[in-house]
PDB file of all heavy atoms in Angstrom:
ATOM      1  N   SER A   1      27.836  56.968  60.164  1.00  0.00           N
ATOM      2  CA  SER A   1      27.857  55.533  59.995  1.00  0.00           C
ATOM      3  C   SER A   1      28.491  54.843  61.212  1.00  0.00           C
ATOM      4  O   SER A   1      29.064  55.513  61.965  1.00  0.00           O
ATOM      5  CB  SER A   1      28.761  55.208  58.686  1.00  0.00           C
ATOM      6  OG  SER A   1      30.066  55.761  58.924  1.00  0.00           O
ATOM      7  N   SER A   2      28.267  53.566  61.246  1.00  0.00           N
ATOM      8  CA  SER A   2      28.764  52.784  62.315  1.00  0.00           C
ATOM      9  C   SER A   2      30.197  52.789  62.460  1.00  0.00           C
ATOM     10  O   SER A   2      30.779  52.544  63.498  1.00  0.00           O
ATOM     11  CB  SER A   2      28.199  51.407  62.277  1.00  0.00           C
ATOM     12  OG  SER A   2      28.696  50.771  61.085  1.00  0.00           O
ATOM     13  N   SER A   3      30.888  53.007  61.359  1.00  0.00           N
ATOM     14  CA  SER A   3      32.409  53.027  61.355  1.00  0.00           C
ATOM     15  C   SER A   3      32.947  54.178  62.179  1.00  0.00           C
ATOM     16  O   SER A   3      34.072  54.256  62.571  1.00  0.00           O
ATOM     17  CB  SER A   3      32.916  52.945  59.996  1.00  0.00           C
ATOM     18  OG  SER A   3      32.535  54.252  59.265  1.00  0.00           O
ATOM     19  N   SER A   4      32.124  55.304  62.224  1.00  0.00           N
ATOM     20  CA  SER A   4      32.585  56.503  62.923  1.00  0.00           C
ATOM     21  C   SER A   4      32.248  56.500  64.412  1.00  0.00           C
ATOM     22  O   SER A   4      32.560  57.433  65.183  1.00  0.00           O
ATOM     23  CB  SER A   4      31.974  57.767  62.324  1.00  0.00           C
ATOM     24  OG  SER A   4      30.552  57.736  62.425  1.00  0.00           O
ATOM     25  N   PHE A   5      31.468  55.442  64.880  1.00  0.00           N
ATOM     26  CA  PHE A   5      31.109  55.307  66.374  1.00  0.00           C
ATOM     27  C   PHE A   5      32.416  55.044  67.115  1.00  0.00           C
ATOM     28  O   PHE A   5      33.167  54.270  66.689  1.00  0.00           O
ATOM     29  CB  PHE A   5      30.107  54.343  66.632  1.00  0.00           C
ATOM     30  CG  PHE A   5      28.693  54.785  66.140  1.00  0.00           C
ATOM     31  CD1 PHE A   5      27.713  53.759  65.882  1.00  0.00           C
ATOM     32  CD2 PHE A   5      28.375  56.142  65.972  1.00  0.00           C
ATOM     33  CE1 PHE A   5      26.486  54.189  65.445  1.00  0.00           C
ATOM     34  CE2 PHE A   5      27.111  56.562  65.600  1.00  0.00           C
ATOM     35  CZ  PHE A   5      26.156  55.524  65.239  1.00  0.00           C
ATOM     36  N   TYR A   6      32.491  55.578  68.452  1.00  0.00           N
ATOM     37  CA  TYR A   6      33.543  55.245  69.324  1.00  0.00           C
ATOM     38  C   TYR A   6      32.852  54.401  70.457  1.00  0.00           C
ATOM     39  O   TYR A   6      32.098  54.912  71.262  1.00  0.00           O
ATOM     40  CB  TYR A   6      34.237  56.460  69.942  1.00  0.00           C
ATOM     41  CG  TYR A   6      35.223  56.114  71.034  1.00  0.00           C
ATOM     42  CD1 TYR A   6      36.465  55.550  70.720  1.00  0.00           C
ATOM     43  CD2 TYR A   6      34.948  56.441  72.431  1.00  0.00           C
ATOM     44  CE1 TYR A   6      37.313  55.224  71.705  1.00  0.00           C
ATOM     45  CE2 TYR A   6      35.747  56.103  73.410  1.00  0.00           C
ATOM     46  CZ  TYR A   6      36.962  55.502  73.048  1.00  0.00           C
ATOM     47  OH  TYR A   6      37.855  55.197  74.021  1.00  0.00           O
ATOM     48  N   ILE A   7      33.293  53.214  70.610  1.00  0.00           N
ATOM     49  CA  ILE A   7      32.722  52.285  71.577  1.00  0.00           C
ATOM     50  C   ILE A   7      33.827  51.972  72.545  1.00  0.00           C
ATOM     51  O   ILE A   7      34.869  51.367  72.182  1.00  0.00           O
ATOM     52  CB  ILE A   7      32.188  50.991  70.941  1.00  0.00           C
ATOM     53  CG1 ILE A   7      31.147  51.285  69.848  1.00  0.00           C
ATOM     54  CG2 ILE A   7      31.654  50.073  72.035  1.00  0.00           C
ATOM     55  CD1 ILE A   7      30.593  50.069  69.261  1.00  0.00           C
ATOM     56  N   PRO A   8      33.766  52.427  73.797  1.00  0.00           N
ATOM     57  CA  PRO A   8      34.830  52.200  74.802  1.00  0.00           C
ATOM     58  C   PRO A   8      34.924  50.684  75.062  1.00  0.00           C
ATOM     59  O   PRO A   8      33.922  50.045  75.337  1.00  0.00           O
ATOM     60  CB  PRO A   8      34.405  52.948  76.032  1.00  0.00           C
ATOM     61  CG  PRO A   8      33.016  53.090  75.881  1.00  0.00           C
ATOM     62  CD  PRO A   8      32.573  53.234  74.378  1.00  0.00           C
ATOM     63  N   MET A   9      36.110  50.186  74.969  1.00  0.00           N
ATOM     64  CA  MET A   9      36.328  48.759  75.185  1.00  0.00           C
ATOM     65  C   MET A   9      36.649  48.535  76.724  1.00  0.00           C
ATOM     66  O   MET A   9      37.184  49.405  77.400  1.00  0.00           O
ATOM     67  CB  MET A   9      37.445  48.240  74.292  1.00  0.00           C
ATOM     68  CG  MET A   9      37.204  48.420  72.811  1.00  0.00           C
ATOM     69  SD  MET A   9      35.687  47.614  72.231  1.00  0.00           S
ATOM     70  CE  MET A   9      36.315  46.010  72.344  1.00  0.00           C
ATOM     71  N   ALA A  10      36.615  47.289  77.177  1.00  0.00           N
ATOM     72  CA  ALA A  10      36.875  47.054  78.534  1.00  0.00           C
ATOM     73  C   ALA A  10      38.380  47.024  78.699  1.00  0.00           C
ATOM     74  O   ALA A  10      39.140  46.769  77.690  1.00  0.00           O
ATOM     75  CB  ALA A  10      36.399  45.609  78.865  1.00  0.00           C
ATOM     76  N   ALA A  11      38.772  47.393  79.893  1.00  0.00           N
ATOM     77  CA  ALA A  11      40.226  47.468  80.154  1.00  0.00           C
ATOM     78  C   ALA A  11      40.917  46.189  79.891  1.00  0.00           C
ATOM     79  O   ALA A  11      40.581  45.234  80.645  1.00  0.00           O
ATOM     80  CB  ALA A  11      40.509  48.007  81.543  1.00  0.00           C
ATOM     81  N   GLY A  12      41.870  46.089  79.209  1.00  0.00           N
ATOM     82  CA  GLY A  12      42.565  44.804  78.911  1.00  0.00           C
ATOM     83  C   GLY A  12      43.845  44.735  79.831  1.00  0.00           C
ATOM     84  O   GLY A  12      44.122  45.632  80.580  1.00  0.00           O
ATOM     85  N   ASP A  13      44.520  43.633  79.719  1.00  0.00           N
ATOM     86  CA  ASP A  13      45.636  43.399  80.558  1.00  0.00           C
ATOM     87  C   ASP A  13      46.862  44.315  80.133  1.00  0.00           C
ATOM     88  O   ASP A  13      47.758  44.457  80.953  1.00  0.00           O
ATOM     89  CB  ASP A  13      46.106  41.890  80.489  1.00  0.00           C
ATOM     90  CG  ASP A  13      44.993  40.997  80.977  1.00  0.00           C
ATOM     91  OD1 ASP A  13      44.157  41.373  81.795  1.00  0.00           O
ATOM     92  OD2 ASP A  13      44.967  39.757  80.645  1.00  0.00           O
ATOM     93  N   ASP A  14      46.757  44.733  78.977  1.00  0.00           N
ATOM     94  CA  ASP A  14      47.878  45.533  78.418  1.00  0.00           C
ATOM     95  C   ASP A  14      47.759  46.994  78.770  1.00  0.00           C
ATOM     96  O   ASP A  14      48.720  47.781  78.477  1.00  0.00           O
ATOM     97  CB  ASP A  14      48.005  45.333  76.886  1.00  0.00           C
ATOM     98  CG  ASP A  14      46.787  45.778  76.194  1.00  0.00           C
ATOM     99  OD1 ASP A  14      45.687  45.888  76.943  1.00  0.00           O
ATOM    100  OD2 ASP A  14      46.703  46.025  74.991  1.00  0.00           O
ATOM    101  N   GLN A  15      46.690  47.362  79.421  1.00  0.00           N
ATOM    102  CA  GLN A  15      46.562  48.830  79.757  1.00  0.00           C
ATOM    103  C   GLN A  15      47.239  49.096  81.125  1.00  0.00           C
ATOM    104  O   GLN A  15      47.058  48.337  82.087  1.00  0.00           O
ATOM    105  CB  GLN A  15      45.063  49.196  79.907  1.00  0.00           C
ATOM    106  CG  GLN A  15      44.353  49.211  78.571  1.00  0.00           C
ATOM    107  CD  GLN A  15      43.014  49.802  78.745  1.00  0.00           C
ATOM    108  OE1 GLN A  15      42.483  50.061  79.784  1.00  0.00           O
ATOM    109  NE2 GLN A  15      42.200  49.883  77.617  1.00  0.00           N
ATOM    110  N   VAL A  16      47.937  50.201  81.224  1.00  0.00           N
ATOM    111  CA  VAL A  16      48.716  50.538  82.411  1.00  0.00           C
ATOM    112  C   VAL A  16      47.860  51.452  83.299  1.00  0.00           C
ATOM    113  O   VAL A  16      47.267  52.359  82.815  1.00  0.00           O
ATOM    114  CB  VAL A  16      50.009  51.285  81.973  1.00  0.00           C
ATOM    115  CG1 VAL A  16      50.776  51.783  83.242  1.00  0.00           C
ATOM    116  CG2 VAL A  16      50.831  50.559  81.003  1.00  0.00           C
ATOM    117  N   PRO A  17      47.658  51.007  84.642  1.00  0.00           N
ATOM    118  CA  PRO A  17      46.802  51.837  85.535  1.00  0.00           C
ATOM    119  C   PRO A  17      47.531  53.203  85.807  1.00  0.00           C
ATOM    120  O   PRO A  17      48.685  53.337  85.619  1.00  0.00           O
ATOM    121  CB  PRO A  17      46.811  51.022  86.837  1.00  0.00           C
ATOM    122  CG  PRO A  17      47.953  50.101  86.760  1.00  0.00           C
ATOM    123  CD  PRO A  17      48.195  49.868  85.303  1.00  0.00           C
ATOM    124  N   PRO A  18      46.746  54.171  86.160  1.00  0.00           N
ATOM    125  CA  PRO A  18      47.376  55.448  86.500  1.00  0.00           C
ATOM    126  C   PRO A  18      48.223  55.435  87.644  1.00  0.00           C
ATOM    127  O   PRO A  18      48.240  54.526  88.423  1.00  0.00           O
ATOM    128  CB  PRO A  18      46.076  56.358  86.701  1.00  0.00           C
ATOM    129  CG  PRO A  18      44.987  55.357  87.136  1.00  0.00           C
ATOM    130  CD  PRO A  18      45.314  54.068  86.404  1.00  0.00           C
ATOM    131  N   PRO A  19      49.140  56.509  87.668  1.00  0.00           N
ATOM    132  CA  PRO A  19      50.136  56.461  88.899  1.00  0.00           C
ATOM    133  C   PRO A  19      49.434  56.612  90.271  1.00  0.00           C
ATOM    134  O   PRO A  19      49.993  56.025  91.310  1.00  0.00           O
ATOM    135  CB  PRO A  19      51.001  57.689  88.653  1.00  0.00           C
ATOM    136  CG  PRO A  19      50.709  58.066  87.128  1.00  0.00           C
ATOM    137  CD  PRO A  19      49.370  57.530  86.741  1.00  0.00           C
ATOM    138  N   GLU A  20      48.196  57.213  90.339  1.00  0.00           N
ATOM    139  CA  GLU A  20      47.559  57.319  91.598  1.00  0.00           C
ATOM    140  C   GLU A  20      47.255  56.035  92.206  1.00  0.00           C
ATOM    141  O   GLU A  20      47.312  55.795  93.445  1.00  0.00           O
ATOM    142  CB  GLU A  20      46.244  58.186  91.393  1.00  0.00           C
ATOM    143  CG  GLU A  20      46.658  59.622  91.115  1.00  0.00           C
ATOM    144  CD  GLU A  20      46.845  59.860  89.688  1.00  0.00           C
ATOM    145  OE1 GLU A  20      46.789  58.905  88.958  1.00  0.00           O
ATOM    146  OE2 GLU A  20      47.126  61.010  89.303  1.00  0.00           O
ATOM    147  N   SER A  21      46.825  54.966  91.414  1.00  0.00           N
ATOM    148  CA  SER A  21      46.546  53.675  91.964  1.00  0.00           C
ATOM    149  C   SER A  21      47.764  53.046  92.594  1.00  0.00           C
ATOM    150  O   SER A  21      47.687  52.289  93.588  1.00  0.00           O
ATOM    151  CB  SER A  21      45.915  52.807  90.821  1.00  0.00           C
ATOM    152  OG  SER A  21      46.855  52.668  89.821  1.00  0.00           O
ATOM    153  N   HIS A  22      48.952  53.232  91.978  1.00  0.00           N
ATOM    154  CA  HIS A  22      50.153  52.635  92.556  1.00  0.00           C
ATOM    155  C   HIS A  22      50.442  53.289  93.895  1.00  0.00           C
ATOM    156  O   HIS A  22      50.805  52.541  94.818  1.00  0.00           O
ATOM    157  CB  HIS A  22      51.321  52.927  91.580  1.00  0.00           C
ATOM    158  CG  HIS A  22      51.347  51.979  90.371  1.00  0.00           C
ATOM    159  ND1 HIS A  22      51.537  50.637  90.431  1.00  0.00           N
ATOM    160  CD2 HIS A  22      51.137  52.353  88.990  1.00  0.00           C
ATOM    161  CE1 HIS A  22      51.406  50.087  89.176  1.00  0.00           C
ATOM    162  NE2 HIS A  22      51.192  51.115  88.321  1.00  0.00           N
ATOM    163  N   LEU A  23      50.256  54.528  94.070  1.00  0.00           N
ATOM    164  CA  LEU A  23      50.468  55.208  95.317  1.00  0.00           C
ATOM    165  C   LEU A  23      49.476  54.804  96.358  1.00  0.00           C
ATOM    166  O   LEU A  23      49.851  54.522  97.539  1.00  0.00           O
ATOM    167  CB  LEU A  23      50.430  56.728  95.143  1.00  0.00           C
ATOM    168  CG  LEU A  23      51.517  57.383  94.196  1.00  0.00           C
ATOM    169  CD1 LEU A  23      51.192  58.908  94.065  1.00  0.00           C
ATOM    170  CD2 LEU A  23      52.924  57.138  94.791  1.00  0.00           C
ATOM    171  N   LEU A  24      48.217  54.634  95.985  1.00  0.00           N
ATOM    172  CA  LEU A  24      47.190  54.077  96.866  1.00  0.00           C
ATOM    173  C   LEU A  24      47.476  52.729  97.352  1.00  0.00           C
ATOM    174  O   LEU A  24      47.387  52.452  98.532  1.00  0.00           O
ATOM    175  CB  LEU A  24      45.782  54.304  96.242  1.00  0.00           C
ATOM    176  CG  LEU A  24      44.619  54.053  97.130  1.00  0.00           C
ATOM    177  CD1 LEU A  24      44.537  55.095  98.139  1.00  0.00           C
ATOM    178  CD2 LEU A  24      43.320  53.999  96.286  1.00  0.00           C
ATOM    179  N   GLU A  25      47.900  51.868  96.456  1.00  0.00           N
ATOM    180  CA  GLU A  25      48.155  50.494  96.769  1.00  0.00           C
ATOM    181  C   GLU A  25      49.372  50.432  97.650  1.00  0.00           C
ATOM    182  O   GLU A  25      49.435  49.631  98.698  1.00  0.00           O
ATOM    183  CB  GLU A  25      48.408  49.744  95.554  1.00  0.00           C
ATOM    184  CG  GLU A  25      48.663  48.202  95.700  1.00  0.00           C
ATOM    185  CD  GLU A  25      48.839  47.383  94.462  1.00  0.00           C
ATOM    186  OE1 GLU A  25      48.713  48.019  93.443  1.00  0.00           O
ATOM    187  OE2 GLU A  25      49.138  46.165  94.589  1.00  0.00           O
ATOM    188  N   LYS A  26      50.413  51.208  97.381  1.00  0.00           N
ATOM    189  CA  LYS A  26      51.576  51.164  98.236  1.00  0.00           C
ATOM    190  C   LYS A  26      51.292  51.753  99.545  1.00  0.00           C
ATOM    191  O   LYS A  26      51.781  51.163 100.701  1.00  0.00           O
ATOM    192  CB  LYS A  26      52.649  52.108  97.545  1.00  0.00           C
ATOM    193  CG  LYS A  26      54.006  52.096  98.250  1.00  0.00           C
ATOM    194  CD  LYS A  26      54.983  52.921  97.540  1.00  0.00           C
ATOM    195  CE  LYS A  26      56.341  53.013  98.248  1.00  0.00           C
ATOM    196  NZ  LYS A  26      57.378  53.778  97.538  1.00  0.00           N
ATOM    197  N   GLN A  27      50.408  52.752  99.768  1.00  0.00           N
ATOM    198  CA  GLN A  27      50.118  53.358 101.073  1.00  0.00           C
ATOM    199  C   GLN A  27      49.457  52.202 101.863  1.00  0.00           C
ATOM    200  O   GLN A  27      49.846  52.041 103.104  1.00  0.00           O
ATOM    201  CB  GLN A  27      49.407  54.566 100.964  1.00  0.00           C
ATOM    202  CG  GLN A  27      48.702  55.080 102.252  1.00  0.00           C
ATOM    203  CD  GLN A  27      47.907  56.359 101.975  1.00  0.00           C
ATOM    204  OE1 GLN A  27      48.354  57.347 102.192  1.00  0.00           O
ATOM    205  NE2 GLN A  27      46.657  56.087 101.783  1.00  0.00           N
ATOM    206  N   PHE A  28      48.455  51.591 101.371  1.00  0.00           N
ATOM    207  CA  PHE A  28      47.638  50.702 102.177  1.00  0.00           C
ATOM    208  C   PHE A  28      48.450  49.340 102.403  1.00  0.00           C
ATOM    209  O   PHE A  28      48.196  48.667 103.388  1.00  0.00           O
ATOM    210  CB  PHE A  28      46.386  50.318 101.479  1.00  0.00           C
ATOM    211  CG  PHE A  28      45.322  51.439 101.778  1.00  0.00           C
ATOM    212  CD1 PHE A  28      45.163  52.597 101.053  1.00  0.00           C
ATOM    213  CD2 PHE A  28      44.298  51.180 102.831  1.00  0.00           C
ATOM    214  CE1 PHE A  28      44.214  53.528 101.320  1.00  0.00           C
ATOM    215  CE2 PHE A  28      43.434  52.165 103.159  1.00  0.00           C
ATOM    216  CZ  PHE A  28      43.366  53.374 102.422  1.00  0.00           C
ATOM    217  N   GLU A  29      49.392  49.112 101.637  1.00  0.00           N
ATOM    218  CA  GLU A  29      50.256  47.884 101.813  1.00  0.00           C
ATOM    219  C   GLU A  29      51.135  48.203 103.037  1.00  0.00           C
ATOM    220  O   GLU A  29      51.260  47.291 103.968  1.00  0.00           O
ATOM    221  CB  GLU A  29      51.082  47.597 100.638  1.00  0.00           C
ATOM    222  CG  GLU A  29      52.119  46.463 100.802  1.00  0.00           C
ATOM    223  CD  GLU A  29      51.340  45.151 101.096  1.00  0.00           C
ATOM    224  OE1 GLU A  29      50.280  45.009 100.649  1.00  0.00           O
ATOM    225  OE2 GLU A  29      52.022  44.271 101.548  1.00  0.00           O
ATOM    226  N   SER A  30      51.627  49.459 103.201  1.00  0.00           N
ATOM    227  CA  SER A  30      52.362  49.873 104.307  1.00  0.00           C
ATOM    228  C   SER A  30      51.527  49.794 105.621  1.00  0.00           C
ATOM    229  O   SER A  30      51.983  49.410 106.659  1.00  0.00           O
ATOM    230  CB  SER A  30      53.030  51.196 104.151  1.00  0.00           C
ATOM    231  OG  SER A  30      51.991  52.218 104.014  1.00  0.00           O
ATOM    232  N   PHE A  31      50.244  50.262 105.477  1.00  0.00           N
ATOM    233  CA  PHE A  31      49.327  50.237 106.606  1.00  0.00           C
ATOM    234  C   PHE A  31      49.149  48.761 107.075  1.00  0.00           C
ATOM    235  O   PHE A  31      49.105  48.459 108.260  1.00  0.00           O
ATOM    236  CB  PHE A  31      47.996  50.870 106.227  1.00  0.00           C
ATOM    237  CG  PHE A  31      48.013  52.340 106.101  1.00  0.00           C
ATOM    238  CD1 PHE A  31      47.128  52.993 105.415  1.00  0.00           C
ATOM    239  CD2 PHE A  31      49.111  53.044 106.575  1.00  0.00           C
ATOM    240  CE1 PHE A  31      47.031  54.374 105.332  1.00  0.00           C
ATOM    241  CE2 PHE A  31      49.237  54.442 106.407  1.00  0.00           C
ATOM    242  CZ  PHE A  31      48.174  55.079 105.736  1.00  0.00           C
TER     243      PHE A  31
END
C-alpha cells in the first residue's frame, strides 16, 4: 500500500549538514 512507500523529502532547514561540509567550507574560507 501507499502507506508503506518511502518518499525521500527535500532537505529542510532543520537538517544538519555532515561534518565533511563544515571542513570543506572552512578550508576554502581560509584559502
